[in-house]
Amino acid sequence: MGVKNLLGKKIKKLRIINGYTQEELAEKIDISQRALSGIETGKNFLTAETLDKLVQVLNIKYSELFCIDHYYDTKVLINDLNAKIISLKNCPEKLREIYRVINALLNE
């Protein structure tokens, strides 16, 4: 999956979290709904000007917008999670917290 697709997914997720329709967010960042749809589906890439407006409207940092590691392939995610858990072998408090979070997610 390319950067346009990954970034588009992230923008869509943030839009939904903030309770905006495509039309509402597009209006706030001064682009057409069709242009925003193209960005969210990875067909188009946003301009620097649109990026600036998006970060302001969503009240996020640039780093948050570009943090897209969690969209990787499932096998990559599992391997990465396993490596991170193993790296915490000397941190029992953190391991217990991770265990609680995983159990909470599984018991939804």
PDB file of N, CA and C in Angstrom:
ATOM      1  N   MET A   1       0.847  -1.175   0.000  1.00  0.00           N
ATOM      2  CA  MET A   1       0.000   0.000   0.000  1.00  0.00           C
ATOM      3  C   MET A   1       0.893   1.239   0.000  1.00  0.00           C
ATOM      4  N   GLY A   2       0.628   2.154  -0.918  1.00  0.00           N
ATOM      5  CA  GLY A   2       1.448   3.345  -1.069  1.00  0.00           C
ATOM      6  C   GLY A   2       1.112   4.433  -0.069  1.00  0.00           C
ATOM      7  N   VAL A   3       1.949   5.452  -0.070  1.00  0.00           N
ATOM      8  CA  VAL A   3       1.793   6.546   0.889  1.00  0.00           C
ATOM      9  C   VAL A   3       0.468   7.286   0.685  1.00  0.00           C
ATOM     10  N   LYS A   4       0.025   7.435  -0.567  1.00  0.00           N
ATOM     11  CA  LYS A   4      -1.246   8.130  -0.796  1.00  0.00           C
ATOM     12  C   LYS A   4      -2.398   7.359  -0.168  1.00  0.00           C
ATOM     13  N   ASN A   5      -2.388   6.045  -0.309  1.00  0.00           N
ATOM     14  CA  ASN A   5      -3.455   5.229   0.289  1.00  0.00           C
ATOM     15  C   ASN A   5      -3.404   5.265   1.810  1.00  0.00           C
ATOM     16  N   LEU A   6      -2.208   5.125   2.368  1.00  0.00           N
ATOM     17  CA  LEU A   6      -2.060   5.123   3.824  1.00  0.00           C
ATOM     18  C   LEU A   6      -2.472   6.463   4.426  1.00  0.00           C
ATOM     19  N   LEU A   7      -2.023   7.538   3.802  1.00  0.00           N
ATOM     20  CA  LEU A   7      -2.370   8.864   4.305  1.00  0.00           C
ATOM     21  C   LEU A   7      -3.869   9.124   4.142  1.00  0.00           C
ATOM     22  N   GLY A   8      -4.424   8.681   3.035  1.00  0.00           N
ATOM     23  CA  GLY A   8      -5.860   8.842   2.810  1.00  0.00           C
ATOM     24  C   GLY A   8      -6.686   8.133   3.868  1.00  0.00           C
ATOM     25  N   LYS A   9      -6.276   6.916   4.211  1.00  0.00           N
ATOM     26  CA  LYS A   9      -6.985   6.172   5.269  1.00  0.00           C
ATOM     27  C   LYS A   9      -6.914   6.910   6.595  1.00  0.00           C
ATOM     28  N   LYS A  10      -5.741   7.472   6.879  1.00  0.00           N
ATOM     29  CA  LYS A  10      -5.565   8.192   8.143  1.00  0.00           C
ATOM     30  C   LYS A  10      -6.435   9.436   8.171  1.00  0.00           C
ATOM     31  N   ILE A  11      -6.489  10.160   7.074  1.00  0.00           N
ATOM     32  CA  ILE A  11      -7.315  11.371   7.006  1.00  0.00           C
ATOM     33  C   ILE A  11      -8.783  11.008   7.198  1.00  0.00           C
ATOM     34  N   LYS A  12      -9.219   9.947   6.555  1.00  0.00           N
ATOM     35  CA  LYS A  12     -10.613   9.515   6.699  1.00  0.00           C
ATOM     36  C   LYS A  12     -10.916   9.158   8.151  1.00  0.00           C
ATOM     37  N   LYS A  13     -10.014   8.420   8.778  1.00  0.00           N
ATOM     38  CA  LYS A  13     -10.200   8.029  10.172  1.00  0.00           C
ATOM     39  C   LYS A  13     -10.303   9.262  11.079  1.00  0.00           C
ATOM     40  N   LEU A  14      -9.415  10.216  10.876  1.00  0.00           N
ATOM     41  CA  LEU A  14      -9.431  11.436  11.693  1.00  0.00           C
ATOM     42  C   LEU A  14     -10.689  12.259  11.425  1.00  0.00           C
ATOM     43  N   ARG A  15     -11.129  12.283  10.177  1.00  0.00           N
ATOM     44  CA  ARG A  15     -12.366  13.004   9.847  1.00  0.00           C
ATOM     45  C   ARG A  15     -13.539  12.409  10.605  1.00  0.00           C
ATOM     46  N   ILE A  16     -13.636  11.093  10.586  1.00  0.00           N
ATOM     47  CA  ILE A  16     -14.743  10.404  11.262  1.00  0.00           C
ATOM     48  C   ILE A  16     -14.664  10.602  12.775  1.00  0.00           C
ATOM     49  N   ILE A  17     -13.472  10.487  13.330  1.00  0.00           N
ATOM     50  CA  ILE A  17     -13.290  10.689  14.770  1.00  0.00           C
ATOM     51  C   ILE A  17     -13.755  12.080  15.181  1.00  0.00           C
ATOM     52  N   ASN A  18     -13.504  13.060  14.319  1.00  0.00           N
ATOM     53  CA  ASN A  18     -13.889  14.445  14.611  1.00  0.00           C
ATOM     54  C   ASN A  18     -15.343  14.744  14.250  1.00  0.00           C
ATOM     55  N   GLY A  19     -16.044  13.759  13.732  1.00  0.00           N
ATOM     56  CA  GLY A  19     -17.469  13.910  13.458  1.00  0.00           C
ATOM     57  C   GLY A  19     -17.821  14.719  12.225  1.00  0.00           C
ATOM     58  N   TYR A  20     -16.901  14.804  11.279  1.00  0.00           N
ATOM     59  CA  TYR A  20     -17.166  15.558  10.054  1.00  0.00           C
ATOM     60  C   TYR A  20     -17.601  14.621   8.927  1.00  0.00           C
ATOM     61  N   THR A  21     -18.529  15.087   8.115  1.00  0.00           N
ATOM     62  CA  THR A  21     -18.802  14.416   6.852  1.00  0.00           C
ATOM     63  C   THR A  21     -17.717  14.876   5.880  1.00  0.00           C
ATOM     64  N   GLN A  22     -17.617  14.198   4.755  1.00  0.00           N
ATOM     65  CA  GLN A  22     -16.650  14.649   3.746  1.00  0.00           C
ATOM     66  C   GLN A  22     -16.967  16.077   3.314  1.00  0.00           C
ATOM     67  N   GLU A  23     -18.226  16.356   3.130  1.00  0.00           N
ATOM     68  CA  GLU A  23     -18.646  17.688   2.694  1.00  0.00           C
ATOM     69  C   GLU A  23     -18.245  18.758   3.712  1.00  0.00           C
ATOM     70  N   GLU A  24     -18.460  18.475   4.991  1.00  0.00           N
ATOM     71  CA  GLU A  24     -18.130  19.446   6.043  1.00  0.00           C
ATOM     72  C   GLU A  24     -16.635  19.709   6.115  1.00  0.00           C
ATOM     73  N   LEU A  25     -15.843  18.634   6.104  1.00  0.00           N
ATOM     74  CA  LEU A  25     -14.394  18.815   6.198  1.00  0.00           C
ATOM     75  C   LEU A  25     -13.861  19.493   4.946  1.00  0.00           C
ATOM     76  N   ALA A  26     -14.359  19.104   3.796  1.00  0.00           N
ATOM     77  CA  ALA A  26     -13.915  19.721   2.549  1.00  0.00           C
ATOM     78  C   ALA A  26     -14.160  21.227   2.574  1.00  0.00           C
ATOM     79  N   GLU A  27     -15.310  21.623   3.065  1.00  0.00           N
ATOM     80  CA  GLU A  27     -15.629  23.048   3.152  1.00  0.00           C
ATOM     81  C   GLU A  27     -14.669  23.760   4.100  1.00  0.00           C
ATOM     82  N   LYS A  28     -14.371  23.133   5.233  1.00  0.00           N
ATOM     83  CA  LYS A  28     -13.487  23.761   6.226  1.00  0.00           C
ATOM     84  C   LYS A  28     -12.055  23.926   5.713  1.00  0.00           C
ATOM     85  N   ILE A  29     -11.613  22.994   4.846  1.00  0.00           N
ATOM     86  CA  ILE A  29     -10.241  23.092   4.339  1.00  0.00           C
ATOM     87  C   ILE A  29     -10.199  23.659   2.922  1.00  0.00           C
ATOM     88  N   ASP A  30     -11.361  24.146   2.464  1.00  0.00           N
ATOM     89  CA  ASP A  30     -11.462  24.886   1.201  1.00  0.00           C
ATOM     90  C   ASP A  30     -11.084  24.058  -0.031  1.00  0.00           C
ATOM     91  N   ILE A  31     -11.592  22.817  -0.079  1.00  0.00           N
ATOM     92  CA  ILE A  31     -11.475  22.003  -1.288  1.00  0.00           C
ATOM     93  C   ILE A  31     -12.846  21.392  -1.560  1.00  0.00           C
ATOM     94  N   SER A  32     -13.005  20.805  -2.714  1.00  0.00           N
ATOM     95  CA  SER A  32     -14.288  20.184  -3.043  1.00  0.00           C
ATOM     96  C   SER A  32     -14.417  18.841  -2.334  1.00  0.00           C
ATOM     97  N   GLN A  33     -15.647  18.412  -2.156  1.00  0.00           N
ATOM     98  CA  GLN A  33     -15.900  17.097  -1.551  1.00  0.00           C
ATOM     99  C   GLN A  33     -15.286  16.005  -2.425  1.00  0.00           C
ATOM    100  N   ARG A  34     -15.348  16.209  -3.726  1.00  0.00           N
ATOM    101  CA  ARG A  34     -14.771  15.233  -4.664  1.00  0.00           C
ATOM    102  C   ARG A  34     -13.246  15.140  -4.490  1.00  0.00           C
ATOM    103  N   ALA A  35     -12.608  16.284  -4.290  1.00  0.00           N
ATOM    104  CA  ALA A  35     -11.153  16.287  -4.073  1.00  0.00           C
ATOM    105  C   ALA A  35     -10.808  15.556  -2.779  1.00  0.00           C
ATOM    106  N   LEU A  36     -11.588  15.809  -1.712  1.00  0.00           N
ATOM    107  CA  LEU A  36     -11.344  15.123  -0.443  1.00  0.00           C
ATOM    108  C   LEU A  36     -11.563  13.620  -0.587  1.00  0.00           C
ATOM    109  N   SER A  37     -12.586  13.238  -1.311  1.00  0.00           N
ATOM    110  CA  SER A  37     -12.840  11.822  -1.553  1.00  0.00           C
ATOM    111  C   SER A  37     -11.643  11.177  -2.254  1.00  0.00           C
ATOM    112  N   GLY A  38     -11.097  11.881  -3.240  1.00  0.00           N
ATOM    113  CA  GLY A  38      -9.920  11.373  -3.949  1.00  0.00           C
ATOM    114  C   GLY A  38      -8.712  11.227  -3.044  1.00  0.00           C
ATOM    115  N   ILE A  39      -8.559  12.156  -2.104  1.00  0.00           N
ATOM    116  CA  ILE A  39      -7.456  12.078  -1.144  1.00  0.00           C
ATOM    117  C   ILE A  39      -7.662  10.882  -0.225  1.00  0.00           C
ATOM    118  N   GLU A  40      -8.879  10.732   0.304  1.00  0.00           N
ATOM    119  CA  GLU A  40      -9.154   9.639   1.239  1.00  0.00           C
ATOM    120  C   GLU A  40      -9.033   8.261   0.597  1.00  0.00           C
ATOM    121  N   THR A  41      -9.303   8.161  -0.679  1.00  0.00           N
ATOM    122  CA  THR A  41      -9.197   6.863  -1.357  1.00  0.00           C
ATOM    123  C   THR A  41      -7.820   6.616  -1.951  1.00  0.00           C
ATOM    124  N   GLY A  42      -6.918   7.585  -1.818  1.00  0.00           N
ATOM    125  CA  GLY A  42      -5.560   7.416  -2.312  1.00  0.00           C
ATOM    126  C   GLY A  42      -5.396   7.693  -3.787  1.00  0.00           C
ATOM    127  N   LYS A  43      -6.415   8.249  -4.422  1.00  0.00           N
ATOM    128  CA  LYS A  43      -6.314   8.578  -5.846  1.00  0.00           C
ATOM    129  C   LYS A  43      -5.590   9.903  -6.058  1.00  0.00           C
ATOM    130  N   ASN A  44      -5.732  10.815  -5.116  1.00  0.00           N
ATOM    131  CA  ASN A  44      -5.105  12.141  -5.190  1.00  0.00           C
ATOM    132  C   ASN A  44      -4.236  12.364  -3.968  1.00  0.00           C
ATOM    133  N   PHE A  45      -3.324  13.300  -4.090  1.00  0.00           N
ATOM    134  CA  PHE A  45      -2.481  13.680  -2.962  1.00  0.00           C
ATOM    135  C   PHE A  45      -2.758  15.134  -2.632  1.00  0.00           C
ATOM    136  N   LEU A  46      -2.762  15.465  -1.363  1.00  0.00           N
ATOM    137  CA  LEU A  46      -3.088  16.823  -0.977  1.00  0.00           C
ATOM    138  C   LEU A  46      -1.907  17.764  -1.167  1.00  0.00           C
ATOM    139  N   THR A  47      -2.225  19.017  -1.378  1.00  0.00           N
ATOM    140  CA  THR A  47      -1.191  20.046  -1.515  1.00  0.00           C
ATOM    141  C   THR A  47      -0.688  20.442  -0.128  1.00  0.00           C
ATOM    142  N   ALA A  48       0.414  21.145  -0.095  1.00  0.00           N
ATOM    143  CA  ALA A  48       0.952  21.621   1.178  1.00  0.00           C
ATOM    144  C   ALA A  48      -0.035  22.579   1.851  1.00  0.00           C
ATOM    145  N   GLU A  49      -0.692  23.394   1.051  1.00  0.00           N
ATOM    146  CA  GLU A  49      -1.679  24.329   1.591  1.00  0.00           C
ATOM    147  C   GLU A  49      -2.848  23.573   2.235  1.00  0.00           C
ATOM    148  N   THR A  50      -3.332  22.546   1.559  1.00  0.00           N
ATOM    149  CA  THR A  50      -4.427  21.736   2.104  1.00  0.00           C
ATOM    150  C   THR A  50      -3.975  20.995   3.346  1.00  0.00           C
ATOM    151  N   LEU A  51      -2.743  20.528   3.331  1.00  0.00           N
ATOM    152  CA  LEU A  51      -2.183  19.845   4.503  1.00  0.00           C
ATOM    153  C   LEU A  51      -2.176  20.774   5.711  1.00  0.00           C
ATOM    154  N   ASP A  52      -1.738  22.001   5.519  1.00  0.00           N
ATOM    155  CA  ASP A  52      -1.727  22.982   6.612  1.00  0.00           C
ATOM    156  C   ASP A  52      -3.131  23.202   7.177  1.00  0.00           C
ATOM    157  N   LYS A  53      -4.100  23.370   6.291  1.00  0.00           N
ATOM    158  CA  LYS A  53      -5.471  23.601   6.731  1.00  0.00           C
ATOM    159  C   LYS A  53      -6.030  22.379   7.453  1.00  0.00           C
ATOM    160  N   LEU A  54      -5.728  21.212   6.954  1.00  0.00           N
ATOM    161  CA  LEU A  54      -6.220  19.969   7.548  1.00  0.00           C
ATOM    162  C   LEU A  54      -5.707  19.801   8.971  1.00  0.00           C
ATOM    163  N   VAL A  55      -4.444  20.052   9.164  1.00  0.00           N
ATOM    164  CA  VAL A  55      -3.838  19.945  10.494  1.00  0.00           C
ATOM    165  C   VAL A  55      -4.489  20.938  11.460  1.00  0.00           C
ATOM    166  N   GLN A  56      -4.770  22.138  10.981  1.00  0.00           N
ATOM    167  CA  GLN A  56      -5.409  23.154  11.833  1.00  0.00           C
ATOM    168  C   GLN A  56      -6.844  22.757  12.170  1.00  0.00           C
ATOM    169  N   VAL A  57      -7.617  22.369  11.178  1.00  0.00           N
ATOM    170  CA  VAL A  57      -9.026  22.036  11.401  1.00  0.00           C
ATOM    171  C   VAL A  57      -9.177  20.816  12.305  1.00  0.00           C
ATOM    172  N   LEU A  58      -8.335  19.816  12.109  1.00  0.00           N
ATOM    173  CA  LEU A  58      -8.418  18.603  12.929  1.00  0.00           C
ATOM    174  C   LEU A  58      -7.706  18.754  14.270  1.00  0.00           C
ATOM    175  N   ASN A  59      -7.015  19.888  14.460  1.00  0.00           N
ATOM    176  CA  ASN A  59      -6.312  20.189  15.699  1.00  0.00           C
ATOM    177  C   ASN A  59      -5.331  19.071  16.074  1.00  0.00           C
ATOM    178  N   ILE A  60      -4.487  18.732  15.101  1.00  0.00           N
ATOM    179  CA  ILE A  60      -3.488  17.683  15.307  1.00  0.00           C
ATOM    180  C   ILE A  60      -2.115  18.206  14.901  1.00  0.00           C
ATOM    181  N   LYS A  61      -1.095  17.446  15.254  1.00  0.00           N
ATOM    182  CA  LYS A  61       0.266  17.761  14.840  1.00  0.00           C
ATOM    183  C   LYS A  61       0.543  17.039  13.523  1.00  0.00           C
ATOM    184  N   TYR A  62       1.484  17.545  12.774  1.00  0.00           N
ATOM    185  CA  TYR A  62       1.860  16.890  11.516  1.00  0.00           C
ATOM    186  C   TYR A  62       2.301  15.459  11.777  1.00  0.00           C
ATOM    187  N   SER A  63       3.033  15.256  12.847  1.00  0.00           N
ATOM    188  CA  SER A  63       3.530  13.916  13.159  1.00  0.00           C
ATOM    189  C   SER A  63       2.384  12.930  13.382  1.00  0.00           C
ATOM    190  N   GLU A  64       1.290  13.406  13.979  1.00  0.00           N
ATOM    191  CA  GLU A  64       0.141  12.532  14.192  1.00  0.00           C
ATOM    192  C   GLU A  64      -0.494  12.128  12.866  1.00  0.00           C
ATOM    193  N   LEU A  65      -0.555  13.051  11.954  1.00  0.00           N
ATOM    194  CA  LEU A  65      -1.140  12.761  10.654  1.00  0.00           C
ATOM    195  C   LEU A  65      -0.312  11.723   9.900  1.00  0.00           C
ATOM    196  N   PHE A  66       1.003  11.827  10.004  1.00  0.00           N
ATOM    197  CA  PHE A  66       1.871  10.927   9.255  1.00  0.00           C
ATOM    198  C   PHE A  66       2.241   9.658  10.006  1.00  0.00           C
ATOM    199  N   CYS A  67       1.697   9.461  11.179  1.00  0.00           N
ATOM    200  CA  CYS A  67       1.914   8.218  11.922  1.00  0.00           C
ATOM    201  C   CYS A  67       0.955   7.174  11.360  1.00  0.00           C
ATOM    202  N   ILE A  68       1.430   6.394  10.401  1.00  0.00           N
ATOM    203  CA  ILE A  68       0.567   5.442   9.703  1.00  0.00           C
ATOM    204  C   ILE A  68       1.081   4.011   9.820  1.00  0.00           C
ATOM    205  N   ASP A  69       1.993   3.766  10.755  1.00  0.00           N
ATOM    206  CA  ASP A  69       2.577   2.435  10.922  1.00  0.00           C
ATOM    207  C   ASP A  69       1.526   1.360  11.157  1.00  0.00           C
ATOM    208  N   HIS A  70       0.432   1.684  11.821  1.00  0.00           N
ATOM    209  CA  HIS A  70      -0.564   0.689  12.191  1.00  0.00           C
ATOM    210  C   HIS A  70      -1.369   0.180  11.003  1.00  0.00           C
ATOM    211  N   TYR A  71      -1.129   0.685   9.801  1.00  0.00           N
ATOM    212  CA  TYR A  71      -1.849   0.202   8.632  1.00  0.00           C
ATOM    213  C   TYR A  71      -1.078  -0.885   7.885  1.00  0.00           C
ATOM    214  N   TYR A  72       0.032  -1.328   8.433  1.00  0.00           N
ATOM    215  CA  TYR A  72       0.820  -2.349   7.766  1.00  0.00           C
ATOM    216  C   TYR A  72       0.106  -3.696   7.747  1.00  0.00           C
ATOM    217  N   ASP A  73       0.644  -4.582   6.961  1.00  0.00           N
ATOM    218  CA  ASP A  73       0.134  -5.935   6.823  1.00  0.00           C
ATOM    219  C   ASP A  73       0.060  -6.621   8.194  1.00  0.00           C
ATOM    220  N   THR A  74      -0.918  -7.507   8.366  1.00  0.00           N
ATOM    221  CA  THR A  74      -1.146  -8.181   9.644  1.00  0.00           C
ATOM    222  C   THR A  74       0.096  -8.929  10.125  1.00  0.00           C
ATOM    223  N   LYS A  75       0.782  -9.620   9.242  1.00  0.00           N
ATOM    224  CA  LYS A  75       1.987 -10.367   9.644  1.00  0.00           C
ATOM    225  C   LYS A  75       3.058  -9.417  10.176  1.00  0.00           C
ATOM    226  N   VAL A  76       3.205  -8.284   9.520  1.00  0.00           N
ATOM    227  CA  VAL A  76       4.189  -7.292   9.964  1.00  0.00           C
ATOM    228  C   VAL A  76       3.797  -6.763  11.335  1.00  0.00           C
ATOM    229  N   LEU A  77       2.515  -6.481  11.524  1.00  0.00           N
ATOM    230  CA  LEU A  77       2.040  -5.982  12.818  1.00  0.00           C
ATOM    231  C   LEU A  77       2.294  -6.995  13.931  1.00  0.00           C
ATOM    232  N   ILE A  78       1.977  -8.252  13.684  1.00  0.00           N
ATOM    233  CA  ILE A  78       2.181  -9.290  14.702  1.00  0.00           C
ATOM    234  C   ILE A  78       3.657  -9.415  15.058  1.00  0.00           C
ATOM    235  N   ASN A  79       4.505  -9.432  14.062  1.00  0.00           N
ATOM    236  CA  ASN A  79       5.944  -9.525  14.332  1.00  0.00           C
ATOM    237  C   ASN A  79       6.446  -8.319  15.114  1.00  0.00           C
ATOM    238  N   ASP A  80       5.970  -7.148  14.747  1.00  0.00           N
ATOM    239  CA  ASP A  80       6.384  -5.932  15.444  1.00  0.00           C
ATOM    240  C   ASP A  80       5.887  -5.936  16.887  1.00  0.00           C
ATOM    241  N   LEU A  81       4.625  -6.327  17.086  1.00  0.00           N
ATOM    242  CA  LEU A  81       4.088  -6.404  18.451  1.00  0.00           C
ATOM    243  C   LEU A  81       4.857  -7.418  19.294  1.00  0.00           C
ATOM    244  N   ASN A  82       5.135  -8.567  18.728  1.00  0.00           N
ATOM    245  CA  ASN A  82       5.902  -9.583  19.462  1.00  0.00           C
ATOM    246  C   ASN A  82       7.271  -9.048  19.872  1.00  0.00           C
ATOM    247  N   ALA A  83       7.942  -8.375  18.955  1.00  0.00           N
ATOM    248  CA  ALA A  83       9.264  -7.820  19.264  1.00  0.00           C
ATOM    249  C   ALA A  83       9.174  -6.770  20.375  1.00  0.00           C
ATOM    250  N   LYS A  84       8.138  -5.951  20.332  1.00  0.00           N
ATOM    251  CA  LYS A  84       7.986  -4.921  21.368  1.00  0.00           C
ATOM    252  C   LYS A  84       7.660  -5.541  22.718  1.00  0.00           C
ATOM    253  N   ILE A  85       6.843  -6.559  22.714  1.00  0.00           N
ATOM    254  CA  ILE A  85       6.502  -7.241  23.974  1.00  0.00           C
ATOM    255  C   ILE A  85       7.747  -7.905  24.560  1.00  0.00           C
ATOM    256  N   ILE A  86       8.529  -8.558  23.726  1.00  0.00           N
ATOM    257  CA  ILE A  86       9.756  -9.209  24.190  1.00  0.00           C
ATOM    258  C   ILE A  86      10.727  -8.172  24.760  1.00  0.00           C
ATOM    259  N   SER A  87      10.764  -6.988  24.144  1.00  0.00           N
ATOM    260  CA  SER A  87      11.681  -5.952  24.637  1.00  0.00           C
ATOM    261  C   SER A  87      11.289  -5.454  26.026  1.00  0.00           C
ATOM    262  N   LEU A  88      10.061  -5.749  26.451  1.00  0.00           N
ATOM    263  CA  LEU A  88       9.588  -5.323  27.776  1.00  0.00           C
ATOM    264  C   LEU A  88       9.718  -6.421  28.836  1.00  0.00           C
ATOM    265  N   LYS A  89      10.492  -7.442  28.550  1.00  0.00           N
ATOM    266  CA  LYS A  89      10.584  -8.579  29.479  1.00  0.00           C
ATOM    267  C   LYS A  89      11.066  -8.185  30.868  1.00  0.00           C
ATOM    268  N   ASN A  90      11.786  -7.084  30.974  1.00  0.00           N
ATOM    269  CA  ASN A  90      12.265  -6.621  32.280  1.00  0.00           C
ATOM    270  C   ASN A  90      11.385  -5.515  32.865  1.00  0.00           C
ATOM    271  N   CYS A  91      10.203  -5.345  32.308  1.00  0.00           N
ATOM    272  CA  CYS A  91       9.272  -4.313  32.771  1.00  0.00           C
ATOM    273  C   CYS A  91       7.919  -4.949  33.081  1.00  0.00           C
ATOM    274  N   PRO A  92       7.823  -5.679  34.188  1.00  0.00           N
ATOM    275  CA  PRO A  92       6.588  -6.409  34.475  1.00  0.00           C
ATOM    276  C   PRO A  92       5.348  -5.523  34.575  1.00  0.00           C
ATOM    277  N   GLU A  93       5.506  -4.282  35.035  1.00  0.00           N
ATOM    278  CA  GLU A  93       4.345  -3.396  35.148  1.00  0.00           C
ATOM    279  C   GLU A  93       3.772  -3.073  33.769  1.00  0.00           C
ATOM    280  N   LYS A  94       4.654  -2.792  32.816  1.00  0.00           N
ATOM    281  CA  LYS A  94       4.200  -2.483  31.459  1.00  0.00           C
ATOM    282  C   LYS A  94       3.594  -3.719  30.791  1.00  0.00           C
ATOM    283  N   LEU A  95       4.182  -4.869  31.035  1.00  0.00           N
ATOM    284  CA  LEU A  95       3.635  -6.110  30.472  1.00  0.00           C
ATOM    285  C   LEU A  95       2.236  -6.386  31.013  1.00  0.00           C
ATOM    286  N   ARG A  96       2.039  -6.164  32.300  1.00  0.00           N
ATOM    287  CA  ARG A  96       0.709  -6.356  32.880  1.00  0.00           C
ATOM    288  C   ARG A  96      -0.304  -5.393  32.262  1.00  0.00           C
ATOM    289  N   GLU A  97       0.122  -4.162  32.025  1.00  0.00           N
ATOM    290  CA  GLU A  97      -0.771  -3.173  31.412  1.00  0.00           C
ATOM    291  C   GLU A  97      -1.146  -3.584  29.983  1.00  0.00           C
ATOM    292  N   ILE A  98      -0.158  -4.043  29.224  1.00  0.00           N
ATOM    293  CA  ILE A  98      -0.436  -4.524  27.864  1.00  0.00           C
ATOM    294  C   ILE A  98      -1.395  -5.705  27.914  1.00  0.00           C
ATOM    295  N   TYR A  99      -1.183  -6.590  28.851  1.00  0.00           N
ATOM    296  CA  TYR A  99      -2.065  -7.750  29.023  1.00  0.00           C
ATOM    297  C   TYR A  99      -3.505  -7.298  29.301  1.00  0.00           C
ATOM    298  N   ARG A 100      -3.656  -6.305  30.172  1.00  0.00           N
ATOM    299  CA  ARG A 100      -4.995  -5.785  30.482  1.00  0.00           C
ATOM    300  C   ARG A 100      -5.663  -5.172  29.248  1.00  0.00           C
ATOM    301  N   VAL A 101      -4.895  -4.416  28.482  1.00  0.00           N
ATOM    302  CA  VAL A 101      -5.449  -3.776  27.279  1.00  0.00           C
ATOM    303  C   VAL A 101      -5.886  -4.839  26.278  1.00  0.00           C
ATOM    304  N   ILE A 102      -5.059  -5.834  26.058  1.00  0.00           N
ATOM    305  CA  ILE A 102      -5.415  -6.893  25.106  1.00  0.00           C
ATOM    306  C   ILE A 102      -6.665  -7.633  25.578  1.00  0.00           C
ATOM    307  N   ASN A 103      -6.724  -7.943  26.848  1.00  0.00           N
ATOM    308  CA  ASN A 103      -7.917  -8.618  27.361  1.00  0.00           C
ATOM    309  C   ASN A 103      -9.165  -7.753  27.223  1.00  0.00           C
ATOM    310  N   ALA A 104      -9.022  -6.466  27.465  1.00  0.00           N
ATOM    311  CA  ALA A 104     -10.168  -5.562  27.319  1.00  0.00           C
ATOM    312  C   ALA A 104     -10.631  -5.514  25.865  1.00  0.00           C
ATOM    313  N   LEU A 105      -9.699  -5.495  24.932  1.00  0.00           N
ATOM    314  CA  LEU A 105     -10.059  -5.478  23.523  1.00  0.00           C
ATOM    315  C   LEU A 105     -10.751  -6.770  23.101  1.00  0.00           C
ATOM    316  N   LEU A 106     -10.308  -7.878  23.645  1.00  0.00           N
ATOM    317  CA  LEU A 106     -10.885  -9.174  23.277  1.00  0.00           C
ATOM    318  C   LEU A 106     -12.249  -9.404  23.910  1.00  0.00           C
ATOM    319  N   ASN A 107     -12.517  -8.689  24.987  1.00  0.00           N
ATOM    320  CA  ASN A 107     -13.800  -8.857  25.689  1.00  0.00           C
ATOM    321  C   ASN A 107     -14.842  -7.814  25.294  1.00  0.00           C
ATOM    322  N   GLU A 108     -14.617  -7.140  24.183  1.00  0.00           N
ATOM    323  CA  GLU A 108     -15.563  -6.084  23.750  1.00  0.00           C
ATOM    324  C   GLU A 108     -16.948  -6.627  23.550  1.00  0.00           C
TER     325      GLU A 108
END
